[in-house]
Amino acid sequence: MSRSKFKTHKASAKRFKVTGSGKIVRQHSGTGHNTGKKRENNRREARKWETIEGGYVKKAKRSLGL
């Protein structure tokens, strides 16, 4: 009997990325619009990718089909 496959959650696939070492990374929020009133340092930091940690890793992996 074959094991059933899980479909990838497409919204998660667009938001998360898997690194070469297997970590899941995401981008920061708040960079879409109204950036003039936000501090330049905050906007610069928001350009970086952030590693998902803690209990969210299991949830993210499941939604990505990993």
Protein backbone atom coordinates (compact mmCIF):
# COMPACT_ATOMS: atom_id res chain seq x y z
CA MET A 1 0.00 0.00 0.00
CA SER A 2 1.46 3.36 -1.01
CA ARG A 3 1.76 6.26 1.37
CA SER A 4 -0.33 9.33 0.56
CA LYS A 5 1.49 12.46 -0.53
CA PHE A 6 0.92 15.93 0.90
CA LYS A 7 0.39 18.93 -1.31
CA THR A 8 2.57 21.99 -0.85
CA HIS A 9 0.83 24.98 0.70
CA LYS A 10 1.38 27.49 -2.10
CA ALA A 11 1.18 30.60 0.10
CA SER A 12 3.94 29.19 2.31
CA ALA A 13 6.03 28.27 -0.71
CA LYS A 14 5.96 31.91 -1.83
CA ARG A 15 6.96 33.21 1.62
CA PHE A 16 9.61 30.77 2.81
CA LYS A 17 12.87 29.58 1.32
CA VAL A 18 14.98 26.55 2.26
CA THR A 19 18.73 27.13 2.50
CA GLY A 20 21.40 24.68 1.43
CA SER A 21 21.87 23.51 5.01
CA GLY A 22 18.12 22.89 5.38
CA LYS A 23 17.16 25.95 7.42
CA ILE A 24 13.93 27.78 6.59
CA VAL A 25 14.20 31.53 6.16
CA ARG A 26 11.67 34.32 5.75
CA GLN A 27 11.73 38.03 5.01
CA HIS A 28 10.75 40.85 7.35
CA SER A 29 7.48 42.72 7.03
CA GLY A 30 6.87 46.43 6.71
CA THR A 31 8.76 47.23 3.51
CA GLY A 32 5.87 47.41 1.06
CA HIS A 33 4.81 51.04 1.39
CA ASN A 34 4.96 54.06 3.72
CA THR A 35 8.70 53.60 4.08
CA GLY A 36 9.39 57.32 4.27
CA LYS A 37 8.28 57.53 7.88
CA LYS A 38 10.25 54.43 8.91
CA ARG A 39 13.84 54.67 10.07
CA GLU A 40 16.47 53.87 7.48
CA ASN A 41 18.19 51.45 9.84
CA ASN A 42 14.96 49.48 10.30
CA ARG A 43 14.39 49.34 6.54
CA ARG A 44 17.96 48.18 5.98
CA GLU A 45 17.62 45.43 8.58
CA ALA A 46 14.30 44.36 7.05
CA ARG A 47 16.04 43.55 3.76
CA LYS A 48 17.84 40.63 5.39
CA TRP A 49 16.42 37.13 5.56
CA GLU A 50 15.59 35.82 9.02
CA THR A 51 15.81 32.18 10.09
CA ILE A 52 12.62 30.62 11.42
CA GLU A 53 13.22 29.17 14.88
CA GLY A 54 11.35 27.37 17.61
CA GLY A 55 8.00 25.70 17.16
CA TYR A 56 7.34 27.36 13.83
CA VAL A 57 9.94 25.22 12.06
CA LYS A 58 7.83 22.06 12.29
CA LYS A 59 4.75 23.91 11.03
CA ALA A 60 6.63 25.52 8.15
CA LYS A 61 8.23 22.24 7.07
CA ARG A 62 4.87 20.52 7.06
CA SER A 63 3.27 23.24 4.94
CA LEU A 64 6.22 23.13 2.49
CA GLY A 65 5.92 19.37 2.20
CA LEU A 66 9.35 18.63 3.71
